[in-house]
Amino acid sequence: MYNLSGGIRWTPKHLALGSALHQATRSKELVKIFHNAWHFISYKNILQVDQAVAESTVTGMDPEIGAVIPPNFVPNHFVYFTCDNIDIKYQ
């Protein structure tokens, strides 16, 4: 889809792979090489996505407690989660 649209329509793979490579290497040139081979979005777009994620995180921060609270957390509603300690057995 990304190739057929000429890079206009991003897919999760093209966004995530580009972002992961940039986060791991911080190499602008490496990102450009992979982008030129149509493996993921451009370096400029990766920076725009990083900026948008950072701005979203900052706007979601609760100033009273200084932590980011996801927007789907609602006061007086239960939050369910699971955890285990199976990995302790194999250490």
N, C-alpha and C. Protein backbone atom coordinates (compact mmCIF):
# COMPACT_ATOMS: atom_id res chain seq x y z
N MET A 1 0.83 -1.19 0.00
CA MET A 1 0.00 0.00 0.00
C MET A 1 0.87 1.25 0.00
N TYR A 2 1.93 1.24 0.78
CA TYR A 2 2.83 2.40 0.87
C TYR A 2 3.48 2.66 -0.49
N ASN A 3 3.99 1.62 -1.12
CA ASN A 3 4.64 1.78 -2.42
C ASN A 3 3.65 2.20 -3.49
N LEU A 4 2.47 1.58 -3.50
CA LEU A 4 1.48 1.88 -4.53
C LEU A 4 0.95 3.31 -4.43
N SER A 5 0.92 3.85 -3.21
CA SER A 5 0.42 5.21 -3.04
C SER A 5 1.51 6.25 -3.22
N GLY A 6 2.72 5.82 -3.55
CA GLY A 6 3.82 6.77 -3.70
C GLY A 6 4.28 7.35 -2.38
N GLY A 7 4.10 6.62 -1.30
CA GLY A 7 4.54 7.07 0.01
C GLY A 7 3.54 7.98 0.71
N ILE A 8 2.34 8.12 0.14
CA ILE A 8 1.34 9.01 0.73
C ILE A 8 0.59 8.33 1.86
N ARG A 9 0.25 7.06 1.68
CA ARG A 9 -0.50 6.33 2.71
C ARG A 9 0.46 5.49 3.55
N TRP A 10 0.60 5.84 4.82
CA TRP A 10 1.51 5.13 5.70
C TRP A 10 0.84 3.87 6.22
N THR A 11 1.63 2.82 6.36
CA THR A 11 1.15 1.59 7.00
C THR A 11 1.83 1.48 8.36
N PRO A 12 1.28 0.70 9.28
CA PRO A 12 1.92 0.54 10.59
C PRO A 12 3.37 0.06 10.47
N LYS A 13 3.63 -0.83 9.51
CA LYS A 13 5.00 -1.35 9.33
C LYS A 13 5.96 -0.23 8.94
N HIS A 14 5.57 0.62 8.02
CA HIS A 14 6.46 1.68 7.55
C HIS A 14 6.69 2.74 8.62
N LEU A 15 5.71 2.96 9.44
CA LEU A 15 5.86 3.91 10.53
C LEU A 15 6.70 3.33 11.66
N ALA A 16 6.35 2.12 12.10
CA ALA A 16 7.03 1.52 13.25
C ALA A 16 8.47 1.14 12.94
N LEU A 17 8.71 0.59 11.77
CA LEU A 17 10.07 0.19 11.42
C LEU A 17 11.00 1.40 11.32
N GLY A 18 10.51 2.45 10.69
CA GLY A 18 11.31 3.67 10.57
C GLY A 18 11.60 4.29 11.92
N SER A 19 10.59 4.34 12.75
CA SER A 19 10.75 4.91 14.08
C SER A 19 11.71 4.07 14.93
N ALA A 20 11.59 2.75 14.84
CA ALA A 20 12.47 1.86 15.62
C ALA A 20 13.92 1.99 15.18
N LEU A 21 14.14 2.03 13.88
CA LEU A 21 15.52 2.17 13.39
C LEU A 21 16.12 3.50 13.82
N HIS A 22 15.33 4.55 13.73
CA HIS A 22 15.84 5.86 14.13
C HIS A 22 16.13 5.91 15.63
N GLN A 23 15.24 5.33 16.44
CA GLN A 23 15.46 5.31 17.88
C GLN A 23 16.71 4.50 18.25
N ALA A 24 16.93 3.40 17.53
CA ALA A 24 18.06 2.52 17.85
C ALA A 24 19.40 3.10 17.40
N THR A 25 19.41 3.77 16.25
CA THR A 25 20.69 4.21 15.69
C THR A 25 20.91 5.70 15.72
N ARG A 26 19.83 6.47 15.72
CA ARG A 26 19.90 7.94 15.61
C ARG A 26 20.67 8.37 14.36
N SER A 27 20.63 7.55 13.32
CA SER A 27 21.36 7.82 12.08
C SER A 27 20.41 8.34 11.00
N LYS A 28 20.59 9.60 10.65
CA LYS A 28 19.78 10.20 9.59
C LYS A 28 20.08 9.54 8.26
N GLU A 29 21.34 9.26 8.00
CA GLU A 29 21.73 8.65 6.72
C GLU A 29 21.17 7.24 6.56
N LEU A 30 21.19 6.46 7.62
CA LEU A 30 20.65 5.10 7.55
C LEU A 30 19.14 5.12 7.29
N VAL A 31 18.44 6.05 7.92
CA VAL A 31 17.01 6.20 7.69
C VAL A 31 16.75 6.58 6.23
N LYS A 32 17.56 7.49 5.70
CA LYS A 32 17.40 7.90 4.30
C LYS A 32 17.63 6.74 3.34
N ILE A 33 18.61 5.90 3.62
CA ILE A 33 18.89 4.74 2.76
C ILE A 33 17.68 3.81 2.72
N PHE A 34 17.14 3.49 3.89
CA PHE A 34 15.98 2.59 3.94
C PHE A 34 14.74 3.24 3.33
N HIS A 35 14.59 4.55 3.51
CA HIS A 35 13.45 5.25 2.91
C HIS A 35 13.56 5.23 1.38
N ASN A 36 14.74 5.44 0.86
CA ASN A 36 14.93 5.42 -0.60
C ASN A 36 14.66 4.04 -1.21
N ALA A 37 14.76 2.99 -0.39
CA ALA A 37 14.44 1.64 -0.84
C ALA A 37 12.97 1.30 -0.56
N TRP A 38 12.15 2.30 -0.15
CA TRP A 38 10.73 2.16 0.11
C TRP A 38 10.41 1.23 1.30
N HIS A 39 11.33 1.14 2.26
CA HIS A 39 11.07 0.29 3.42
C HIS A 39 10.26 1.01 4.49
N PHE A 40 10.40 2.33 4.58
CA PHE A 40 9.58 3.08 5.53
C PHE A 40 9.55 4.56 5.20
N ILE A 41 8.86 5.34 6.06
CA ILE A 41 8.62 6.75 5.80
C ILE A 41 9.92 7.55 5.86
N SER A 42 9.86 8.79 5.42
CA SER A 42 11.05 9.63 5.32
C SER A 42 11.53 10.08 6.71
N TYR A 43 12.76 10.55 6.74
CA TYR A 43 13.36 11.06 7.97
C TYR A 43 12.54 12.22 8.51
N LYS A 44 12.10 13.11 7.63
CA LYS A 44 11.30 14.26 8.03
C LYS A 44 10.00 13.80 8.69
N ASN A 45 9.35 12.79 8.10
CA ASN A 45 8.10 12.27 8.67
C ASN A 45 8.33 11.59 10.00
N ILE A 46 9.45 10.90 10.15
CA ILE A 46 9.77 10.25 11.43
C ILE A 46 9.91 11.31 12.52
N LEU A 47 10.58 12.41 12.21
CA LEU A 47 10.72 13.49 13.19
C LEU A 47 9.36 14.11 13.53
N GLN A 48 8.48 14.24 12.54
CA GLN A 48 7.15 14.78 12.79
C GLN A 48 6.35 13.86 13.71
N VAL A 49 6.45 12.57 13.50
CA VAL A 49 5.74 11.61 14.35
C VAL A 49 6.30 11.67 15.78
N ASP A 50 7.62 11.72 15.92
CA ASP A 50 8.23 11.82 17.25
C ASP A 50 7.75 13.08 17.97
N GLN A 51 7.68 14.19 17.23
CA GLN A 51 7.22 15.46 17.79
C GLN A 51 5.76 15.35 18.25
N ALA A 52 4.93 14.73 17.43
CA ALA A 52 3.51 14.59 17.77
C ALA A 52 3.32 13.72 19.00
N VAL A 53 4.09 12.65 19.10
CA VAL A 53 4.00 11.77 20.27
C VAL A 53 4.45 12.50 21.53
N ALA A 54 5.52 13.28 21.42
CA ALA A 54 6.00 14.04 22.58
C ALA A 54 4.97 15.08 23.02
N GLU A 55 4.38 15.79 22.07
CA GLU A 55 3.36 16.79 22.41
C GLU A 55 2.14 16.14 23.03
N SER A 56 1.74 15.00 22.52
CA SER A 56 0.60 14.28 23.07
C SER A 56 0.87 13.84 24.51
N THR A 57 2.09 13.41 24.76
CA THR A 57 2.47 12.97 26.11
C THR A 57 2.44 14.14 27.08
N VAL A 58 2.98 15.28 26.65
CA VAL A 58 3.03 16.45 27.53
C VAL A 58 1.63 16.97 27.84
N THR A 59 0.74 16.96 26.84
CA THR A 59 -0.62 17.45 27.09
C THR A 59 -1.42 16.48 27.95
N GLY A 60 -1.02 15.23 28.01
CA GLY A 60 -1.72 14.25 28.84
C GLY A 60 -1.19 14.17 30.26
N MET A 61 -0.23 15.02 30.61
CA MET A 61 0.37 14.96 31.94
C MET A 61 -0.52 15.67 32.96
N ASP A 62 -0.72 15.03 34.08
CA ASP A 62 -1.48 15.62 35.17
C ASP A 62 -0.53 16.46 36.02
N PRO A 63 -0.74 17.77 36.07
CA PRO A 63 0.21 18.63 36.81
C PRO A 63 0.24 18.38 38.31
N GLU A 64 -0.86 17.85 38.87
CA GLU A 64 -0.90 17.62 40.31
C GLU A 64 0.03 16.48 40.73
N ILE A 65 0.07 15.40 39.94
CA ILE A 65 0.89 14.26 40.33
C ILE A 65 2.15 14.12 39.47
N GLY A 66 2.22 14.89 38.38
CA GLY A 66 3.41 14.86 37.53
C GLY A 66 3.58 13.59 36.74
N ALA A 67 2.48 12.94 36.41
CA ALA A 67 2.55 11.70 35.65
C ALA A 67 1.58 11.76 34.47
N VAL A 68 1.87 10.98 33.45
CA VAL A 68 0.99 10.91 32.30
C VAL A 68 -0.13 9.92 32.59
N ILE A 69 -1.35 10.36 32.39
CA ILE A 69 -2.52 9.51 32.60
C ILE A 69 -3.18 9.29 31.25
N PRO A 70 -3.32 8.05 30.83
CA PRO A 70 -3.98 7.78 29.55
C PRO A 70 -5.39 8.37 29.51
N PRO A 71 -5.81 8.87 28.34
CA PRO A 71 -7.12 9.52 28.27
C PRO A 71 -8.31 8.60 28.52
N ASN A 72 -8.11 7.29 28.38
CA ASN A 72 -9.22 6.37 28.63
C ASN A 72 -9.35 5.98 30.10
N PHE A 73 -8.50 6.49 30.97
CA PHE A 73 -8.67 6.27 32.41
C PHE A 73 -9.70 7.27 32.91
N VAL A 74 -10.71 6.76 33.59
CA VAL A 74 -11.81 7.60 34.07
C VAL A 74 -11.88 7.45 35.59
N PRO A 75 -12.05 8.55 36.31
CA PRO A 75 -12.17 8.45 37.77
C PRO A 75 -13.34 7.56 38.17
N ASN A 76 -13.15 6.82 39.24
CA ASN A 76 -14.17 5.94 39.82
C ASN A 76 -14.55 4.75 38.95
N HIS A 77 -13.68 4.36 38.04
CA HIS A 77 -13.86 3.14 37.25
C HIS A 77 -12.69 2.21 37.52
N PHE A 78 -12.96 0.94 37.56
CA PHE A 78 -11.91 -0.03 37.83
C PHE A 78 -10.97 -0.19 36.65
N VAL A 79 -9.72 -0.47 36.96
CA VAL A 79 -8.72 -0.81 35.94
C VAL A 79 -8.28 -2.23 36.23
N TYR A 80 -8.34 -3.08 35.24
CA TYR A 80 -7.95 -4.47 35.40
C TYR A 80 -6.58 -4.70 34.76
N PHE A 81 -5.75 -5.47 35.42
CA PHE A 81 -4.46 -5.84 34.85
C PHE A 81 -4.05 -7.18 35.43
N THR A 82 -3.10 -7.80 34.77
CA THR A 82 -2.58 -9.08 35.26
C THR A 82 -1.08 -9.00 35.35
N CYS A 83 -0.52 -9.84 36.17
CA CYS A 83 0.93 -9.95 36.27
C CYS A 83 1.27 -11.34 36.78
N ASP A 84 2.51 -11.71 36.60
CA ASP A 84 2.95 -13.00 37.13
C ASP A 84 4.42 -12.89 37.51
N ASN A 85 4.91 -13.90 38.17
CA ASN A 85 6.31 -13.93 38.56
C ASN A 85 6.97 -15.22 38.08
N ILE A 86 6.50 -15.78 36.98
CA ILE A 86 7.03 -17.04 36.47
C ILE A 86 8.51 -16.91 36.07
N ASP A 87 8.92 -15.72 35.66
CA ASP A 87 10.29 -15.55 35.24
C ASP A 87 11.29 -15.69 36.40
N ILE A 88 10.84 -15.53 37.62
CA ILE A 88 11.72 -15.69 38.77
C ILE A 88 12.22 -17.13 38.88
N LYS A 89 11.37 -18.06 38.52
CA LYS A 89 11.72 -19.48 38.62
C LYS A 89 12.91 -19.84 37.72
N TYR A 90 13.07 -19.17 36.61
CA TYR A 90 14.09 -19.55 35.63
C TYR A 90 15.36 -18.71 35.71
N GLN A 91 15.54 -17.96 36.74
CA GLN A 91 16.76 -17.15 36.84
C GLN A 91 17.85 -17.85 37.59
